[in-house]
C-alpha cells in the first residue's frame, strides 16, 4: 500500500485496510481523504469526487472505535483540538469529526456521539515553492510581506510549509502560528512535517495569540500564519510587521477580485501589510497579482 495512505488508515479495522490495499496504486497515491459515515460504506476523495470502497457500512460503534484508535486510546489528551472538530494523528494526518455536541454557555464542550469522520491524508510536497517564487518574495536578506490566495484544497498550506522549510534551512529564523495543526502538525511536540532547521512552532493556540507570543519570545525574522480568518488575525499580522518581522499568510479567495470584495479582506487591504499577493491556481500554478 502507498506509504502515506497506509499510515493514515492504521486506525481502521483490518478488513477496511485490505479494501484500500486492493485499490490501484495510482488511486492510492491520489487519495486525499477517507470519509466514514454512519450507515454508509467508506468513501475516498480523489480529485473533486468521492468514490465508494466496498459495500460494508459503518455502524456507530465502529466509528467511535476508529476515533479511539486514531487518538491512540487517549481522547482526553485531544480534548482541545476535538472542541475545534479535529485531532491530529501520528504522521500529521488529520481526523475531522462530526456528530452531536454538548454545548454550555454558547461554547462546545465535547462530542456526545460521532456520526462521521474525515481522515485527511497528509503529504508533504518538497519543492512546491519554486526558485522563481522564492526570488520574488526575498531580496537578499529582505523578505517581503506576502499573502497567498486560493480556494480551499488548492495548496495554500502545502506551499507555505515548503516556503518555511526552504527559508529556515537557508538560515532564516522562522516562526509558525499553527492554530489547526496543519503547517507543522506537532505530534507529542514533534513536527510531523519537515519545516526546516530554524523553525519554532506554537500549535493549537488561536493564531493571533500565538503570533504575538512568538514575536515576543522567539524574535523571528519570518512569521507564518495559515488562513487569515478574523480581525484578530489581521491585527496580529500588522503588529508583527511593525515589529520588523516579515509575515507570510494565506486567505481564502478565488482571485484578486474575489479577495477585494470580501469585507474582512477589505480591512486587510486598508492596513497595507502585504507587499506581495499571489494566487494559487488549479494545478498548483502560482501567479503574482501584486
Protein backbone atom coordinates (compact mmCIF):
# COMPACT_ATOMS: atom_id res chain seq x y z
CA UNK A 1 0.00 0.00 0.00
CA UNK A 2 1.13 3.58 -0.68
CA UNK A 3 3.04 4.73 2.42
CA UNK A 4 1.04 7.81 3.47
CA UNK A 5 -2.27 6.02 2.91
CA UNK A 6 -1.03 3.05 4.93
CA UNK A 7 -0.12 5.31 7.84
CA UNK A 8 -3.38 7.28 7.67
CA UNK A 9 -5.62 4.19 7.63
CA UNK A 10 -3.86 2.46 10.55
CA UNK A 11 -6.84 3.37 12.76
CA UNK A 12 -9.22 1.34 10.56
CA UNK A 13 -10.17 -2.29 11.06
CA UNK A 14 -8.09 -4.82 9.07
CA UNK A 15 -10.86 -5.52 6.53
CA UNK A 16 -11.14 -1.79 5.79
CA UNK A 17 -7.39 -1.53 5.26
CA UNK A 18 -7.46 -4.57 2.99
CA UNK A 19 -10.15 -2.97 0.84
CA UNK A 20 -7.97 0.13 0.43
CA UNK A 21 -4.92 -2.02 -0.35
CA UNK A 22 -6.80 -3.57 -3.29
CA UNK A 23 -7.21 -0.17 -4.97
CA UNK A 24 -4.90 0.62 -7.92
CA UNK A 25 -1.60 2.14 -6.78
CA UNK A 26 -2.32 5.31 -8.76
CA UNK A 27 -5.64 5.73 -6.94
CA UNK A 28 -3.95 5.16 -3.59
CA UNK A 29 -1.34 7.81 -4.36
CA UNK A 30 -4.01 10.34 -5.41
CA UNK A 31 -6.35 9.63 -2.50
CA UNK A 32 -6.75 12.77 -0.38
CA UNK A 33 -9.35 11.80 2.22
CA UNK A 34 -11.16 8.81 3.74
CA UNK A 35 -14.76 9.62 4.62
CA UNK A 36 -16.52 7.39 7.13
CA UNK A 37 -20.25 7.93 7.80
CA UNK A 38 -22.71 6.02 9.97
CA UNK A 39 -24.82 3.59 7.93
CA UNK A 40 -22.80 4.30 4.79
CA UNK A 41 -19.88 2.47 3.13
CA UNK A 42 -16.41 4.05 3.12
CA UNK A 43 -15.75 6.73 0.53
CA UNK A 44 -12.40 8.08 -0.65
CA UNK A 45 -11.83 11.53 -2.12
CA UNK A 46 -9.78 11.58 -5.31
CA UNK A 47 -9.64 14.94 -7.05
CA UNK A 48 -13.09 16.52 -6.92
CA UNK A 49 -15.09 13.32 -6.46
CA UNK A 50 -15.89 10.69 -3.83
CA UNK A 51 -15.53 7.01 -4.70
CA UNK A 52 -17.08 4.16 -2.74
CA UNK A 53 -14.77 1.45 -1.39
CA UNK A 54 -16.58 -1.79 -0.62
CA UNK A 55 -20.21 -2.36 0.37
CA UNK A 56 -19.93 -2.82 4.14
CA UNK A 57 -21.43 0.11 6.05
CA UNK A 58 -20.10 1.71 9.22
CA UNK A 59 -22.03 1.46 12.47
CA UNK A 60 -21.77 3.88 15.38
CA UNK A 61 -19.57 1.58 17.44
CA UNK A 62 -17.01 1.20 14.64
CA UNK A 63 -16.91 4.96 14.06
CA UNK A 64 -16.31 5.52 17.79
CA UNK A 65 -13.64 2.81 17.94
CA UNK A 66 -11.89 4.27 14.88
CA UNK A 67 -11.64 7.65 16.59
CA UNK A 68 -10.31 5.98 19.74
CA UNK A 69 -7.58 4.24 17.73
CA UNK A 70 -6.73 7.47 15.90
CA UNK A 71 -6.16 9.06 19.31
CA UNK A 72 -4.17 6.02 20.46
CA UNK A 73 -6.82 5.43 23.14
CA UNK A 74 -6.14 8.81 24.72
CA UNK A 75 -9.03 11.01 23.61
CA UNK A 76 -8.78 13.15 26.75
CA UNK A 77 -5.38 14.44 25.59
CA UNK A 78 -7.02 15.58 22.32
CA UNK A 79 -9.91 17.40 24.04
CA UNK A 80 -8.72 20.85 23.00
CA UNK A 81 -8.50 20.10 19.28
CA UNK A 82 -11.68 17.99 19.37
CA UNK A 83 -13.55 21.07 20.57
CA UNK A 84 -12.47 22.56 17.25
CA UNK A 85 -13.67 19.45 15.40
CA UNK A 86 -10.46 17.53 14.69
CA UNK A 87 -7.50 15.64 16.06
CA UNK A 88 -4.02 15.09 14.64
CA UNK A 89 -2.64 11.58 14.14
CA UNK A 90 0.95 10.41 14.03
CA UNK A 91 2.34 11.41 10.63
CA UNK A 92 0.37 14.66 10.51
CA UNK A 93 -2.84 13.07 9.23
CA UNK A 94 -5.91 14.94 10.49
CA UNK A 95 -9.24 13.44 11.51
CA UNK A 96 -12.25 15.75 11.14
CA UNK A 97 -15.17 14.87 13.42
CA UNK A 98 -18.93 15.43 13.10
CA UNK A 99 -21.82 14.45 15.34
CA UNK A 100 -23.95 15.60 18.26
CA UNK A 101 -22.24 18.04 20.60
CA UNK A 102 -22.60 19.15 24.20
CA UNK A 103 -22.69 22.95 24.49
CA UNK A 104 -22.60 25.17 27.56
CA UNK A 105 -22.88 28.97 27.58
CA UNK A 106 -22.53 29.01 23.82
CA UNK A 107 -19.24 27.07 23.82
CA UNK A 108 -18.82 23.49 22.68
CA UNK A 109 -17.69 21.14 25.44
CA UNK A 110 -17.41 17.80 23.65
CA UNK A 111 -18.99 15.39 21.18
CA UNK A 112 -21.81 13.32 22.71
CA UNK A 113 -21.94 10.98 19.72
CA UNK A 114 -19.99 10.69 16.46
CA UNK A 115 -21.75 10.45 13.09
CA UNK A 116 -18.86 10.79 10.65
CA UNK A 117 -15.09 11.08 10.35
CA UNK A 118 -12.91 12.56 7.62
CA UNK A 119 -9.33 11.29 7.64
CA UNK A 120 -7.28 13.76 5.61
CA UNK A 121 -4.10 12.17 4.29
CA UNK A 122 -1.04 14.32 4.92
CA UNK A 123 1.51 14.53 2.12
CA UNK A 124 4.44 16.89 2.00
CA UNK A 125 5.48 18.17 -1.42
CA UNK A 126 9.09 19.29 -1.21
CA UNK A 127 9.85 21.77 -3.96
CA UNK A 128 6.29 23.14 -4.05
CA UNK A 129 7.84 26.60 -3.68
CA UNK A 130 9.85 27.13 -6.86
CA UNK A 131 13.16 29.04 -7.01
CA UNK A 132 11.37 31.72 -9.07
CA UNK A 133 8.74 32.20 -6.35
CA UNK A 134 11.42 32.43 -3.66
CA UNK A 135 13.22 35.10 -5.68
CA UNK A 136 10.01 37.16 -5.79
CA UNK A 137 9.41 37.08 -2.04
CA UNK A 138 13.02 37.56 -0.98
CA UNK A 139 15.62 40.11 -1.98
CA UNK A 140 18.92 39.19 -0.37
CA UNK A 141 18.22 39.27 3.37
CA UNK A 142 14.97 41.23 2.93
CA UNK A 143 11.68 39.30 2.96
CA UNK A 144 8.55 40.91 1.51
CA UNK A 145 5.33 40.54 3.49
CA UNK A 146 3.42 38.09 1.29
CA UNK A 147 -0.16 36.81 1.04
CA UNK A 148 -1.27 33.71 -0.89
CA UNK A 149 -4.85 33.36 -2.16
CA UNK A 150 -6.73 30.26 -3.29
CA UNK A 151 -9.95 28.32 -2.70
CA UNK A 152 -9.87 25.50 -0.12
CA UNK A 153 -7.83 22.47 -1.12
CA UNK A 154 -5.69 24.11 -3.79
CA UNK A 155 -2.40 24.05 -1.93
CA UNK A 156 -2.00 27.14 0.28
CA UNK A 157 -0.82 25.15 3.29
CA UNK A 158 1.43 22.92 1.19
CA UNK A 159 3.08 25.98 -0.34
CA UNK A 160 3.55 27.83 2.97
CA UNK A 161 5.03 24.69 4.55
CA UNK A 162 7.60 24.35 1.77
CA UNK A 163 8.48 28.04 1.93
CA UNK A 164 9.10 27.66 5.67
CA UNK A 165 11.27 24.59 5.08
CA UNK A 166 13.42 26.16 2.38
CA UNK A 167 13.91 29.54 4.06
CA UNK A 168 14.54 28.04 7.52
CA UNK A 169 17.10 25.64 6.08
CA UNK A 170 18.73 28.65 4.41
CA UNK A 171 19.18 30.24 7.84
CA UNK A 172 16.05 32.40 8.19
CA UNK A 173 14.76 32.27 11.78
CA UNK A 174 11.16 31.22 11.21
CA UNK A 175 8.10 31.01 13.47
CA UNK A 176 4.80 29.26 12.72
CA UNK A 177 1.45 30.04 14.38
CA UNK A 178 -0.21 26.71 13.60
CA UNK A 179 -3.69 27.04 15.11
CA UNK A 180 -5.21 23.97 13.42
CA UNK A 181 -2.06 21.82 13.37
CA UNK A 182 -1.79 21.87 9.58
CA UNK A 183 1.54 23.50 8.78
CA UNK A 184 3.80 21.61 11.18
CA UNK A 185 1.30 19.15 12.71
CA UNK A 186 3.01 18.69 16.06
CA UNK A 187 2.51 15.21 17.50
CA UNK A 188 3.68 14.95 21.11
CA UNK A 189 5.70 18.09 20.39
CA UNK A 190 7.42 16.75 17.27
CA UNK A 191 6.64 18.28 13.83
CA UNK A 192 5.28 15.59 11.53
CA UNK A 193 6.39 17.62 8.51
CA UNK A 194 9.85 18.90 7.64
CA UNK A 195 9.53 22.63 8.28
CA UNK A 196 13.23 23.46 8.41
CA UNK A 197 16.03 23.51 10.94
CA UNK A 198 15.47 27.06 12.20
CA UNK A 199 11.70 26.93 12.80
CA UNK A 200 9.73 27.31 16.05
CA UNK A 201 6.04 26.38 16.30
CA UNK A 202 3.08 27.12 18.55
CA UNK A 203 0.31 24.63 17.80
CA UNK A 204 -3.36 24.60 18.82
CA UNK A 205 -3.45 28.21 20.08
CA UNK A 206 -5.51 30.96 18.37
CA UNK A 207 -3.32 32.44 15.61
CA UNK A 208 -3.38 35.99 16.91
CA UNK A 209 -2.31 34.96 20.41
CA UNK A 210 0.32 32.53 19.13
CA UNK A 211 1.72 35.12 16.72
CA UNK A 212 2.28 37.69 19.45
CA UNK A 213 3.84 35.08 21.75
CA UNK A 214 6.26 34.04 19.01
CA UNK A 215 7.23 37.61 18.15
CA UNK A 216 7.86 38.46 21.80
CA UNK A 217 9.70 35.30 22.83
CA UNK A 218 11.45 33.90 19.74
CA UNK A 219 12.46 37.07 17.80
CA UNK A 220 11.68 35.52 14.40
CA UNK A 221 12.74 37.03 11.11
CA UNK A 222 9.71 35.42 9.45
CA UNK A 223 6.26 34.62 10.85
CA UNK A 224 3.87 32.24 9.05
CA UNK A 225 0.11 32.44 9.58
CA UNK A 226 -2.13 29.99 7.76
CA UNK A 227 -5.58 31.29 6.73
CA UNK A 228 -6.39 34.78 7.99
CA UNK A 229 -10.00 34.46 9.14
CA UNK A 230 -10.61 37.22 11.70
CA UNK A 231 -9.91 40.80 12.65
CA UNK A 232 -7.62 39.47 15.41
CA UNK A 233 -5.50 37.67 12.79
CA UNK A 234 -5.17 40.90 10.82
CA UNK A 235 -4.13 42.78 13.95
CA UNK A 236 -1.51 40.13 14.76
CA UNK A 237 -0.06 40.31 11.24
CA UNK A 238 0.05 44.11 11.45
CA UNK A 239 1.76 44.08 14.87
CA UNK A 240 4.35 41.56 13.73
CA UNK A 241 5.12 43.57 10.61
CA UNK A 242 5.52 46.75 12.68
CA UNK A 243 7.99 44.89 14.90
CA UNK A 244 10.19 44.21 11.88
CA UNK A 245 9.13 40.58 11.38
CA UNK A 246 8.22 39.56 7.84
CA UNK A 247 4.77 37.96 7.59
CA UNK A 248 3.65 35.27 5.15
CA UNK A 249 -0.01 34.26 5.30
CA UNK A 250 -2.86 32.81 3.27
CA UNK A 251 -6.51 33.65 2.68
CA UNK A 252 -9.50 32.01 1.00
CA UNK A 253 -10.34 33.69 -2.31
CA UNK A 254 -10.64 32.63 -5.95
CA UNK A 255 -8.71 35.61 -7.32
CA UNK A 256 -7.85 39.24 -6.59
CA UNK A 257 -11.36 40.45 -7.45
CA UNK A 258 -12.95 37.97 -5.07
CA UNK A 259 -10.41 38.92 -2.40
CA UNK A 260 -11.16 42.63 -2.77
CA UNK A 261 -14.93 42.09 -2.44
CA UNK A 262 -14.81 40.33 0.93
CA UNK A 263 -15.41 42.73 3.89
CA UNK A 264 -12.74 41.22 6.16
CA UNK A 265 -10.13 41.33 3.42
CA UNK A 266 -11.09 44.88 2.52
CA UNK A 267 -9.97 45.83 6.03
CA UNK A 268 -6.81 43.80 5.49
CA UNK A 269 -6.06 45.78 2.33
CA UNK A 270 -6.62 49.08 4.15
CA UNK A 271 -3.81 48.18 6.58
CA UNK A 272 -1.39 47.79 3.62
CA UNK A 273 0.52 44.99 5.33
CA UNK A 274 1.35 42.87 2.27
CA UNK A 275 3.72 43.99 -0.46
CA UNK A 276 3.24 40.79 -2.49
CA UNK A 277 0.00 38.92 -3.25
CA UNK A 278 -0.04 35.65 -5.19
CA UNK A 279 -2.90 33.47 -6.40
CA UNK A 280 -2.62 29.67 -6.40
CA UNK A 281 -4.49 28.31 -9.40
CA UNK A 282 -5.73 24.81 -10.12
CA UNK A 283 -2.74 22.58 -10.78
CA UNK A 284 -0.73 24.47 -8.10
CA UNK A 285 0.45 27.16 -10.53
CA UNK A 286 1.35 30.32 -8.59
CA UNK A 287 0.73 33.71 -10.21
CA UNK A 288 1.79 37.06 -8.79
CA UNK A 289 -1.07 39.57 -8.62
CA UNK A 290 0.64 42.45 -6.76
